[in-house]
PDB file of N, CA and C in Angstrom:
ATOM      1  N   UNK A   1      30.564 111.624 124.307  1.00  0.00           N
ATOM      2  CA  UNK A   1      30.873 111.240 125.181  1.00  0.00           C
ATOM      3  C   UNK A   1      31.316 110.573 126.762  1.00  0.00           C
ATOM      4  N   UNK A   2      31.813 109.666 126.995  1.00  0.00           N
ATOM      5  CA  UNK A   2      32.262 109.369 128.465  1.00  0.00           C
ATOM      6  C   UNK A   2      32.179 110.576 129.539  1.00  0.00           C
ATOM      7  N   UNK A   3      31.229 110.789 130.758  1.00  0.00           N
ATOM      8  CA  UNK A   3      31.777 111.437 131.970  1.00  0.00           C
ATOM      9  C   UNK A   3      32.609 111.353 132.065  1.00  0.00           C
ATOM     10  N   UNK A   4      33.230 110.626 132.165  1.00  0.00           N
ATOM     11  CA  UNK A   4      35.156 110.677 132.873  1.00  0.00           C
ATOM     12  C   UNK A   4      35.274 111.882 131.931  1.00  0.00           C
ATOM     13  N   UNK A   5      35.339 111.860 131.108  1.00  0.00           N
ATOM     14  CA  UNK A   5      35.945 112.896 129.659  1.00  0.00           C
ATOM     15  C   UNK A   5      35.905 113.847 130.290  1.00  0.00           C
ATOM     16  N   UNK A   6      34.101 113.881 130.091  1.00  0.00           N
ATOM     17  CA  UNK A   6      34.497 115.359 130.699  1.00  0.00           C
ATOM     18  C   UNK A   6      34.106 116.124 131.937  1.00  0.00           C
ATOM     19  N   UNK A   7      34.320 115.063 132.629  1.00  0.00           N
ATOM     20  CA  UNK A   7      35.444 115.445 134.062  1.00  0.00           C
ATOM     21  C   UNK A   7      36.514 116.170 134.154  1.00  0.00           C
ATOM     22  N   UNK A   8      37.206 115.484 133.331  1.00  0.00           N
ATOM     23  CA  UNK A   8      38.478 115.655 133.547  1.00  0.00           C
ATOM     24  C   UNK A   8      38.415 117.138 132.838  1.00  0.00           C
ATOM     25  N   UNK A   9      37.866 117.521 131.943  1.00  0.00           N
ATOM     26  CA  UNK A   9      38.172 118.451 131.250  1.00  0.00           C
ATOM     27  C   UNK A   9      37.351 119.693 132.618  1.00  0.00           C
ATOM     28  N   UNK A  10      36.223 119.610 133.393  1.00  0.00           N
ATOM     29  CA  UNK A  10      36.059 119.681 134.412  1.00  0.00           C
ATOM     30  C   UNK A  10      36.969 120.469 135.321  1.00  0.00           C
ATOM     31  N   UNK A  11      37.848 119.510 135.316  1.00  0.00           N
ATOM     32  CA  UNK A  11      38.471 119.594 136.013  1.00  0.00           C
ATOM     33  C   UNK A  11      39.979 120.826 135.172  1.00  0.00           C
ATOM     34  N   UNK A  12      40.158 120.280 134.108  1.00  0.00           N
ATOM     35  CA  UNK A  12      41.328 121.344 133.573  1.00  0.00           C
ATOM     36  C   UNK A  12      40.667 123.101 133.688  1.00  0.00           C
ATOM     37  N   UNK A  13      38.630 122.596 133.506  1.00  0.00           N
ATOM     38  CA  UNK A  13      38.304 124.472 133.725  1.00  0.00           C
ATOM     39  C   UNK A  13      38.773 124.772 134.678  1.00  0.00           C
ATOM     40  N   UNK A  14      38.630 124.167 136.033  1.00  0.00           N
ATOM     41  CA  UNK A  14      38.750 124.972 137.169  1.00  0.00           C
ATOM     42  C   UNK A  14      39.901 125.562 137.615  1.00  0.00           C
ATOM     43  N   UNK A  15      40.816 124.678 137.061  1.00  0.00           N
ATOM     44  CA  UNK A  15      42.121 125.272 137.755  1.00  0.00           C
ATOM     45  C   UNK A  15      42.059 126.423 136.581  1.00  0.00           C
ATOM     46  N   UNK A  16      42.001 126.880 135.628  1.00  0.00           N
ATOM     47  CA  UNK A  16      42.606 127.422 134.890  1.00  0.00           C
ATOM     48  C   UNK A  16      41.710 128.757 135.621  1.00  0.00           C
ATOM     49  N   UNK A  17      40.168 128.489 135.896  1.00  0.00           N
ATOM     50  CA  UNK A  17      39.661 129.012 136.527  1.00  0.00           C
ATOM     51  C   UNK A  17      40.274 129.200 137.875  1.00  0.00           C
ATOM     52  N   UNK A  18      41.072 129.080 138.547  1.00  0.00           N
ATOM     53  CA  UNK A  18      41.592 129.148 139.535  1.00  0.00           C
ATOM     54  C   UNK A  18      42.851 129.991 139.685  1.00  0.00           C
ATOM     55  N   UNK A  19      43.387 129.723 138.324  1.00  0.00           N
ATOM     56  CA  UNK A  19      44.223 130.385 138.411  1.00  0.00           C
ATOM     57  C   UNK A  19      44.209 131.891 136.848  1.00  0.00           C
ATOM     58  N   UNK A  20      42.876 132.928 136.868  1.00  0.00           N
ATOM     59  CA  UNK A  20      42.477 132.994 136.269  1.00  0.00           C
ATOM     60  C   UNK A  20      42.881 134.582 136.828  1.00  0.00           C
ATOM     61  N   UNK A  21      43.840 134.854 137.896  1.00  0.00           N
ATOM     62  CA  UNK A  21      44.110 135.941 138.390  1.00  0.00           C
ATOM     63  C   UNK A  21      42.598 136.771 138.468  1.00  0.00           C
ATOM     64  N   UNK A  22      42.836 138.300 137.602  1.00  0.00           N
ATOM     65  CA  UNK A  22      41.708 139.275 138.063  1.00  0.00           C
ATOM     66  C   UNK A  22      40.743 139.097 136.576  1.00  0.00           C
ATOM     67  N   UNK A  23      41.102 138.724 135.908  1.00  0.00           N
ATOM     68  CA  UNK A  23      40.686 138.496 134.381  1.00  0.00           C
ATOM     69  C   UNK A  23      39.414 138.455 134.541  1.00  0.00           C
ATOM     70  N   UNK A  24      38.554 139.517 134.263  1.00  0.00           N
ATOM     71  CA  UNK A  24      37.077 138.778 134.369  1.00  0.00           C
ATOM     72  C   UNK A  24      35.975 138.070 133.572  1.00  0.00           C
ATOM     73  N   UNK A  25      34.695 136.987 134.256  1.00  0.00           N
ATOM     74  CA  UNK A  25      34.609 136.335 132.994  1.00  0.00           C
ATOM     75  C   UNK A  25      34.390 136.568 131.373  1.00  0.00           C
ATOM     76  N   UNK A  26      34.240 137.641 131.408  1.00  0.00           N
ATOM     77  CA  UNK A  26      33.894 137.814 129.644  1.00  0.00           C
ATOM     78  C   UNK A  26      35.629 137.749 129.050  1.00  0.00           C
ATOM     79  N   UNK A  27      36.856 138.193 129.994  1.00  0.00           N
ATOM     80  CA  UNK A  27      37.768 138.104 129.750  1.00  0.00           C
ATOM     81  C   UNK A  27      38.559 136.310 129.325  1.00  0.00           C
ATOM     82  N   UNK A  28      37.744 135.492 130.229  1.00  0.00           N
ATOM     83  CA  UNK A  28      38.452 134.514 130.353  1.00  0.00           C
ATOM     84  C   UNK A  28      37.590 133.538 129.271  1.00  0.00           C
ATOM     85  N   UNK A  29      35.921 133.540 128.973  1.00  0.00           N
ATOM     86  CA  UNK A  29      35.873 133.360 127.970  1.00  0.00           C
ATOM     87  C   UNK A  29      36.969 133.443 126.586  1.00  0.00           C
ATOM     88  N   UNK A  30      37.006 134.919 125.818  1.00  0.00           N
ATOM     89  CA  UNK A  30      37.524 135.025 125.070  1.00  0.00           C
ATOM     90  C   UNK A  30      38.708 134.822 124.621  1.00  0.00           C
ATOM     91  N   UNK A  31      39.754 134.405 125.902  1.00  0.00           N
ATOM     92  CA  UNK A  31      40.556 133.749 125.911  1.00  0.00           C
ATOM     93  C   UNK A  31      41.205 132.786 125.721  1.00  0.00           C
ATOM     94  N   UNK A  32      39.770 131.856 125.810  1.00  0.00           N
ATOM     95  CA  UNK A  32      39.478 130.453 125.992  1.00  0.00           C
ATOM     96  C   UNK A  32      39.393 130.278 124.846  1.00  0.00           C
ATOM     97  N   UNK A  33      37.830 130.701 123.917  1.00  0.00           N
ATOM     98  CA  UNK A  33      38.263 130.240 122.314  1.00  0.00           C
ATOM     99  C   UNK A  33      39.337 131.000 121.678  1.00  0.00           C
ATOM    100  N   UNK A  34      40.424 131.959 122.357  1.00  0.00           N
ATOM    101  CA  UNK A  34      41.115 132.481 120.928  1.00  0.00           C
ATOM    102  C   UNK A  34      42.037 131.359 121.426  1.00  0.00           C
ATOM    103  N   UNK A  35      42.163 130.421 122.010  1.00  0.00           N
ATOM    104  CA  UNK A  35      43.296 129.592 122.209  1.00  0.00           C
ATOM    105  C   UNK A  35      42.813 128.400 121.217  1.00  0.00           C
ATOM    106  N   UNK A  36      41.946 128.601 121.172  1.00  0.00           N
ATOM    107  CA  UNK A  36      41.898 127.551 120.172  1.00  0.00           C
ATOM    108  C   UNK A  36      41.984 127.400 119.279  1.00  0.00           C
ATOM    109  N   UNK A  37      41.996 128.492 118.298  1.00  0.00           N
ATOM    110  CA  UNK A  37      43.608 129.024 117.443  1.00  0.00           C
ATOM    111  C   UNK A  37      44.905 128.696 117.241  1.00  0.00           C
ATOM    112  N   UNK A  38      45.055 128.966 118.698  1.00  0.00           N
ATOM    113  CA  UNK A  38      46.672 128.850 118.820  1.00  0.00           C
ATOM    114  C   UNK A  38      46.779 127.092 118.909  1.00  0.00           C
ATOM    115  N   UNK A  39      46.357 126.988 119.112  1.00  0.00           N
ATOM    116  CA  UNK A  39      46.497 124.877 119.247  1.00  0.00           C
ATOM    117  C   UNK A  39      45.954 124.414 118.122  1.00  0.00           C
ATOM    118  N   UNK A  40      45.310 125.262 117.007  1.00  0.00           N
ATOM    119  CA  UNK A  40      44.962 125.232 115.356  1.00  0.00           C
ATOM    120  C   UNK A  40      46.546 125.164 114.679  1.00  0.00           C
ATOM    121  N   UNK A  41      46.913 126.553 115.052  1.00  0.00           N
ATOM    122  CA  UNK A  41      48.465 126.695 114.588  1.00  0.00           C
ATOM    123  C   UNK A  41      48.961 125.787 114.119  1.00  0.00           C
ATOM    124  N   UNK A  42      49.303 125.136 115.816  1.00  0.00           N
ATOM    125  CA  UNK A  42      49.986 124.438 115.942  1.00  0.00           C
ATOM    126  C   UNK A  42      50.195 123.014 115.080  1.00  0.00           C
ATOM    127  N   UNK A  43      48.563 122.584 115.543  1.00  0.00           N
ATOM    128  CA  UNK A  43      48.603 121.350 114.816  1.00  0.00           C
ATOM    129  C   UNK A  43      48.959 121.472 112.908  1.00  0.00           C
ATOM    130  N   UNK A  44      48.436 122.825 112.557  1.00  0.00           N
ATOM    131  CA  UNK A  44      48.909 123.185 110.872  1.00  0.00           C
ATOM    132  C   UNK A  44      50.567 123.416 111.124  1.00  0.00           C
ATOM    133  N   UNK A  45      50.979 123.386 112.103  1.00  0.00           N
ATOM    134  CA  UNK A  45      52.764 123.604 111.838  1.00  0.00           C
ATOM    135  C   UNK A  45      53.657 122.218 112.194  1.00  0.00           C
ATOM    136  N   UNK A  46      52.524 121.154 113.125  1.00  0.00           N
ATOM    137  CA  UNK A  46      52.860 119.993 112.860  1.00  0.00           C
ATOM    138  C   UNK A  46      52.372 118.850 111.898  1.00  0.00           C
ATOM    139  N   UNK A  47      51.513 119.476 110.654  1.00  0.00           N
ATOM    140  CA  UNK A  47      51.485 118.605 109.708  1.00  0.00           C
ATOM    141  C   UNK A  47      52.063 118.871 108.692  1.00  0.00           C
ATOM    142  N   UNK A  48      52.471 119.785 108.316  1.00  0.00           N
ATOM    143  CA  UNK A  48      53.814 120.760 107.654  1.00  0.00           C
ATOM    144  C   UNK A  48      54.829 120.075 107.915  1.00  0.00           C
ATOM    145  N   UNK A  49      55.299 120.130 108.897  1.00  0.00           N
ATOM    146  CA  UNK A  49      55.895 118.975 110.055  1.00  0.00           C
ATOM    147  C   UNK A  49      56.365 117.733 109.286  1.00  0.00           C
ATOM    148  N   UNK A  50      55.588 117.160 109.243  1.00  0.00           N
ATOM    149  CA  UNK A  50      54.848 115.939 108.821  1.00  0.00           C
ATOM    150  C   UNK A  50      54.621 115.589 107.414  1.00  0.00           C
ATOM    151  N   UNK A  51      54.529 116.220 106.990  1.00  0.00           N
ATOM    152  CA  UNK A  51      54.731 116.338 105.073  1.00  0.00           C
ATOM    153  C   UNK A  51      56.345 116.794 104.925  1.00  0.00           C
ATOM    154  N   UNK A  52      56.869 117.545 105.304  1.00  0.00           N
ATOM    155  CA  UNK A  52      58.363 118.163 105.014  1.00  0.00           C
ATOM    156  C   UNK A  52      57.565 119.425 103.837  1.00  0.00           C
ATOM    157  N   UNK A  53      56.946 119.859 103.961  1.00  0.00           N
ATOM    158  CA  UNK A  53      56.210 120.830 102.969  1.00  0.00           C
ATOM    159  C   UNK A  53      56.918 122.339 103.157  1.00  0.00           C
ATOM    160  N   UNK A  54      58.222 122.256 104.152  1.00  0.00           N
ATOM    161  CA  UNK A  54      58.591 123.416 104.601  1.00  0.00           C
ATOM    162  C   UNK A  54      60.289 123.032 104.058  1.00  0.00           C
ATOM    163  N   UNK A  55      60.469 123.449 102.852  1.00  0.00           N
ATOM    164  CA  UNK A  55      61.959 123.036 103.177  1.00  0.00           C
ATOM    165  C   UNK A  55      63.018 123.146 102.997  1.00  0.00           C
ATOM    166  N   UNK A  56      63.560 123.698 103.941  1.00  0.00           N
ATOM    167  CA  UNK A  56      63.533 124.614 104.736  1.00  0.00           C
ATOM    168  C   UNK A  56      64.205 124.182 106.186  1.00  0.00           C
ATOM    169  N   UNK A  57      62.756 123.313 106.460  1.00  0.00           N
ATOM    170  CA  UNK A  57      62.816 122.372 107.741  1.00  0.00           C
ATOM    171  C   UNK A  57      62.522 121.447 107.557  1.00  0.00           C
ATOM    172  N   UNK A  58      62.161 120.995 106.540  1.00  0.00           N
ATOM    173  CA  UNK A  58      62.200 119.383 105.850  1.00  0.00           C
ATOM    174  C   UNK A  58      60.967 118.464 107.028  1.00  0.00           C
ATOM    175  N   UNK A  59      61.197 117.645 107.184  1.00  0.00           N
ATOM    176  CA  UNK A  59      60.765 116.385 107.770  1.00  0.00           C
ATOM    177  C   UNK A  59      60.855 116.976 109.778  1.00  0.00           C
ATOM    178  N   UNK A  60      60.074 118.127 110.027  1.00  0.00           N
ATOM    179  CA  UNK A  60      60.017 118.674 111.816  1.00  0.00           C
ATOM    180  C   UNK A  60      59.346 118.025 112.318  1.00  0.00           C
ATOM    181  N   UNK A  61      58.113 117.079 112.006  1.00  0.00           N
ATOM    182  CA  UNK A  61      57.104 116.412 112.535  1.00  0.00           C
ATOM    183  C   UNK A  61      56.999 115.722 112.164  1.00  0.00           C
ATOM    184  N   UNK A  62      55.847 114.322 112.818  1.00  0.00           N
ATOM    185  CA  UNK A  62      55.355 112.981 112.447  1.00  0.00           C
ATOM    186  C   UNK A  62      54.407 113.219 113.206  1.00  0.00           C
ATOM    187  N   UNK A  63      53.806 112.094 112.276  1.00  0.00           N
ATOM    188  CA  UNK A  63      52.282 111.866 112.479  1.00  0.00           C
ATOM    189  C   UNK A  63      51.923 111.749 113.878  1.00  0.00           C
ATOM    190  N   UNK A  64      52.396 111.190 114.770  1.00  0.00           N
ATOM    191  CA  UNK A  64      52.375 111.332 116.216  1.00  0.00           C
ATOM    192  C   UNK A  64      52.019 112.462 116.809  1.00  0.00           C
ATOM    193  N   UNK A  65      53.188 113.612 116.360  1.00  0.00           N
ATOM    194  CA  UNK A  65      52.745 115.186 116.369  1.00  0.00           C
ATOM    195  C   UNK A  65      51.571 115.407 116.303  1.00  0.00           C
ATOM    196  N   UNK A  66      51.093 115.016 115.417  1.00  0.00           N
ATOM    197  CA  UNK A  66      49.746 115.528 114.559  1.00  0.00           C
ATOM    198  C   UNK A  66      48.610 115.646 115.181  1.00  0.00           C
ATOM    199  N   UNK A  67      48.445 114.242 115.659  1.00  0.00           N
ATOM    200  CA  UNK A  67      47.746 113.022 116.463  1.00  0.00           C
ATOM    201  C   UNK A  67      47.911 113.656 117.462  1.00  0.00           C
ATOM    202  N   UNK A  68      49.376 114.101 118.384  1.00  0.00           N
ATOM    203  CA  UNK A  68      48.808 115.060 119.319  1.00  0.00           C
ATOM    204  C   UNK A  68      48.442 116.477 119.387  1.00  0.00           C
ATOM    205  N   UNK A  69      48.387 117.353 118.159  1.00  0.00           N
ATOM    206  CA  UNK A  69      48.099 118.855 118.067  1.00  0.00           C
ATOM    207  C   UNK A  69      47.015 118.340 117.949  1.00  0.00           C
ATOM    208  N   UNK A  70      46.202 117.681 116.970  1.00  0.00           N
ATOM    209  CA  UNK A  70      44.702 117.688 116.932  1.00  0.00           C
ATOM    210  C   UNK A  70      44.070 117.380 118.149  1.00  0.00           C
ATOM    211  N   UNK A  71      44.676 116.834 119.089  1.00  0.00           N
ATOM    212  CA  UNK A  71      43.648 116.578 120.740  1.00  0.00           C
ATOM    213  C   UNK A  71      44.256 117.489 121.135  1.00  0.00           C
ATOM    214  N   UNK A  72      44.999 118.332 121.253  1.00  0.00           N
ATOM    215  CA  UNK A  72      45.173 119.328 121.820  1.00  0.00           C
ATOM    216  C   UNK A  72      44.235 120.897 120.947  1.00  0.00           C
ATOM    217  N   UNK A  73      43.823 120.604 119.895  1.00  0.00           N
ATOM    218  CA  UNK A  73      42.332 121.290 119.281  1.00  0.00           C
ATOM    219  C   UNK A  73      41.460 120.669 120.511  1.00  0.00           C
ATOM    220  N   UNK A  74      41.130 119.606 120.280  1.00  0.00           N
ATOM    221  CA  UNK A  74      39.315 119.310 120.676  1.00  0.00           C
ATOM    222  C   UNK A  74      39.877 119.619 122.274  1.00  0.00           C
ATOM    223  N   UNK A  75      40.643 119.031 122.704  1.00  0.00           N
ATOM    224  CA  UNK A  75      40.322 119.431 124.702  1.00  0.00           C
ATOM    225  C   UNK A  75      40.241 120.831 124.947  1.00  0.00           C
ATOM    226  N   UNK A  76      41.089 121.821 123.771  1.00  0.00           N
ATOM    227  CA  UNK A  76      41.374 123.213 124.040  1.00  0.00           C
ATOM    228  C   UNK A  76      39.625 123.332 123.466  1.00  0.00           C
ATOM    229  N   UNK A  77      39.256 122.969 122.690  1.00  0.00           N
ATOM    230  CA  UNK A  77      37.909 123.199 122.130  1.00  0.00           C
ATOM    231  C   UNK A  77      36.724 122.880 123.616  1.00  0.00           C
ATOM    232  N   UNK A  78      37.573 122.185 123.774  1.00  0.00           N
ATOM    233  CA  UNK A  78      35.543 120.856 125.218  1.00  0.00           C
ATOM    234  C   UNK A  78      35.682 121.986 126.257  1.00  0.00           C
ATOM    235  N   UNK A  79      37.089 122.368 126.516  1.00  0.00           N
ATOM    236  CA  UNK A  79      37.668 123.420 127.539  1.00  0.00           C
ATOM    237  C   UNK A  79      36.190 124.804 127.523  1.00  0.00           C
ATOM    238  N   UNK A  80      37.007 125.087 126.603  1.00  0.00           N
ATOM    239  CA  UNK A  80      36.154 126.664 125.972  1.00  0.00           C
ATOM    240  C   UNK A  80      34.958 126.019 126.165  1.00  0.00           C
ATOM    241  N   UNK A  81      33.801 125.507 125.377  1.00  0.00           N
ATOM    242  CA  UNK A  81      32.530 124.891 125.768  1.00  0.00           C
ATOM    243  C   UNK A  81      32.334 124.900 127.003  1.00  0.00           C
ATOM    244  N   UNK A  82      32.849 124.259 127.733  1.00  0.00           N
ATOM    245  CA  UNK A  82      32.303 123.541 128.819  1.00  0.00           C
ATOM    246  C   UNK A  82      32.606 125.499 130.166  1.00  0.00           C
ATOM    247  N   UNK A  83      33.661 126.413 129.399  1.00  0.00           N
ATOM    248  CA  UNK A  83      33.638 127.838 129.735  1.00  0.00           C
ATOM    249  C   UNK A  83      32.669 128.531 129.524  1.00  0.00           C
ATOM    250  N   UNK A  84      32.087 128.659 128.400  1.00  0.00           N
ATOM    251  CA  UNK A  84      30.703 129.263 127.988  1.00  0.00           C
ATOM    252  C   UNK A  84      29.155 128.416 127.933  1.00  0.00           C
ATOM    253  N   UNK A  85      29.126 127.602 128.524  1.00  0.00           N
ATOM    254  CA  UNK A  85      27.973 126.501 128.674  1.00  0.00           C
ATOM    255  C   UNK A  85      27.532 125.648 129.872  1.00  0.00           C
ATOM    256  N   UNK A  86      26.600 125.441 130.246  1.00  0.00           N
ATOM    257  CA  UNK A  86      25.969 125.677 131.688  1.00  0.00           C
ATOM    258  C   UNK A  86      25.806 123.477 131.522  1.00  0.00           C
ATOM    259  N   UNK A  87      26.306 123.056 130.065  1.00  0.00           N
ATOM    260  CA  UNK A  87      25.802 121.724 130.407  1.00  0.00           C
ATOM    261  C   UNK A  87      26.756 121.352 128.956  1.00  0.00           C
ATOM    262  N   UNK A  88      28.216 121.522 128.909  1.00  0.00           N
ATOM    263  CA  UNK A  88      28.606 121.587 127.946  1.00  0.00           C
ATOM    264  C   UNK A  88      28.810 120.292 127.001  1.00  0.00           C
ATOM    265  N   UNK A  89      28.417 118.854 127.691  1.00  0.00           N
ATOM    266  CA  UNK A  89      28.109 117.621 126.926  1.00  0.00           C
ATOM    267  C   UNK A  89      27.072 118.130 126.046  1.00  0.00           C
ATOM    268  N   UNK A  90      25.665 118.330 126.543  1.00  0.00           N
ATOM    269  CA  UNK A  90      24.556 118.035 126.275  1.00  0.00           C
ATOM    270  C   UNK A  90      24.346 118.886 124.782  1.00  0.00           C
ATOM    271  N   UNK A  91      25.713 119.805 125.311  1.00  0.00           N
ATOM    272  CA  UNK A  91      25.895 121.332 123.771  1.00  0.00           C
ATOM    273  C   UNK A  91      25.801 120.560 122.785  1.00  0.00           C
ATOM    274  N   UNK A  92      27.599 119.516 123.095  1.00  0.00           N
ATOM    275  CA  UNK A  92      28.033 118.963 122.057  1.00  0.00           C
ATOM    276  C   UNK A  92      27.694 118.085 121.057  1.00  0.00           C
ATOM    277  N   UNK A  93      26.428 117.625 122.119  1.00  0.00           N
ATOM    278  CA  UNK A  93      25.640 115.932 121.567  1.00  0.00           C
ATOM    279  C   UNK A  93      24.610 116.750 121.172  1.00  0.00           C
ATOM    280  N   UNK A  94      23.643 117.608 121.285  1.00  0.00           N
ATOM    281  CA  UNK A  94      23.225 118.011 120.442  1.00  0.00           C
ATOM    282  C   UNK A  94      23.676 118.665 118.865  1.00  0.00           C
ATOM    283  N   UNK A  95      24.783 119.477 118.934  1.00  0.00           N
ATOM    284  CA  UNK A  95      25.550 120.019 118.108  1.00  0.00           C
ATOM    285  C   UNK A  95      25.822 118.513 116.997  1.00  0.00           C
ATOM    286  N   UNK A  96      26.511 117.297 117.539  1.00  0.00           N
ATOM    287  CA  UNK A  96      26.815 116.373 116.610  1.00  0.00           C
ATOM    288  C   UNK A  96      25.021 115.835 116.088  1.00  0.00           C
ATOM    289  N   UNK A  97      24.306 115.582 116.811  1.00  0.00           N
ATOM    290  CA  UNK A  97      23.327 114.639 116.669  1.00  0.00           C
ATOM    291  C   UNK A  97      22.968 116.170 115.844  1.00  0.00           C
ATOM    292  N   UNK A  98      22.689 116.628 115.307  1.00  0.00           N
ATOM    293  CA  UNK A  98      22.227 117.776 113.993  1.00  0.00           C
ATOM    294  C   UNK A  98      22.842 118.063 113.490  1.00  0.00           C
ATOM    295  N   UNK A  99      23.998 117.602 113.491  1.00  0.00           N
ATOM    296  CA  UNK A  99      24.938 117.482 111.740  1.00  0.00           C
ATOM    297  C   UNK A  99      25.109 116.075 111.292  1.00  0.00           C
ATOM    298  N   UNK A 100      25.224 114.679 112.190  1.00  0.00           N
ATOM    299  CA  UNK A 100      24.971 113.755 111.597  1.00  0.00           C
ATOM    300  C   UNK A 100      23.334 113.716 111.121  1.00  0.00           C
ATOM    301  N   UNK A 101      22.500 114.121 111.837  1.00  0.00           N
ATOM    302  CA  UNK A 101      20.726 114.432 111.533  1.00  0.00           C
ATOM    303  C   UNK A 101      21.296 114.824 109.611  1.00  0.00           C
ATOM    304  N   UNK A 102      21.558 115.972 109.316  1.00  0.00           N
ATOM    305  CA  UNK A 102      21.360 117.200 108.126  1.00  0.00           C
ATOM    306  C   UNK A 102      22.315 115.797 107.180  1.00  0.00           C
ATOM    307  N   UNK A 103      23.775 115.255 107.714  1.00  0.00           N
ATOM    308  CA  UNK A 103      24.568 114.545 106.406  1.00  0.00           C
ATOM    309  C   UNK A 103      22.898 113.304 106.127  1.00  0.00           C
ATOM    310  N   UNK A 104      22.725 113.021 106.802  1.00  0.00           N
ATOM    311  CA  UNK A 104      21.875 111.495 106.428  1.00  0.00           C
ATOM    312  C   UNK A 104      20.515 111.599 106.162  1.00  0.00           C
ATOM    313  N   UNK A 105      20.268 113.072 106.244  1.00  0.00           N
ATOM    314  CA  UNK A 105      19.057 113.759 104.805  1.00  0.00           C
ATOM    315  C   UNK A 105      19.411 114.206 103.628  1.00  0.00           C
ATOM    316  N   UNK A 106      20.167 114.488 103.404  1.00  0.00           N
ATOM    317  CA  UNK A 106      20.855 114.738 102.085  1.00  0.00           C
ATOM    318  C   UNK A 106      21.057 113.259 101.255  1.00  0.00           C
TER     319      UNK A 106
END
């Protein structure tokens, strides 16, 4: 991931920190990880809508909505990672490298 992306993530994290009110660091960490679940729910809803899987709602979303919601999941997870890690870029890169190596070993 390029440095510009991580700089943007850090700006979002800093804004959240500045607007956290009287929440403790532990509460901020917890809420940011839980937010991933909320965003995943929105991605799931968009997918159901794009597939018109709910007969009551029909085609309530399109694939662009799905892409936007999946992007929100990724950004939210990156902000959460930046909240719980001193070096989120390294943490992500290390994990991605591990996963790729594991796939190629099998």
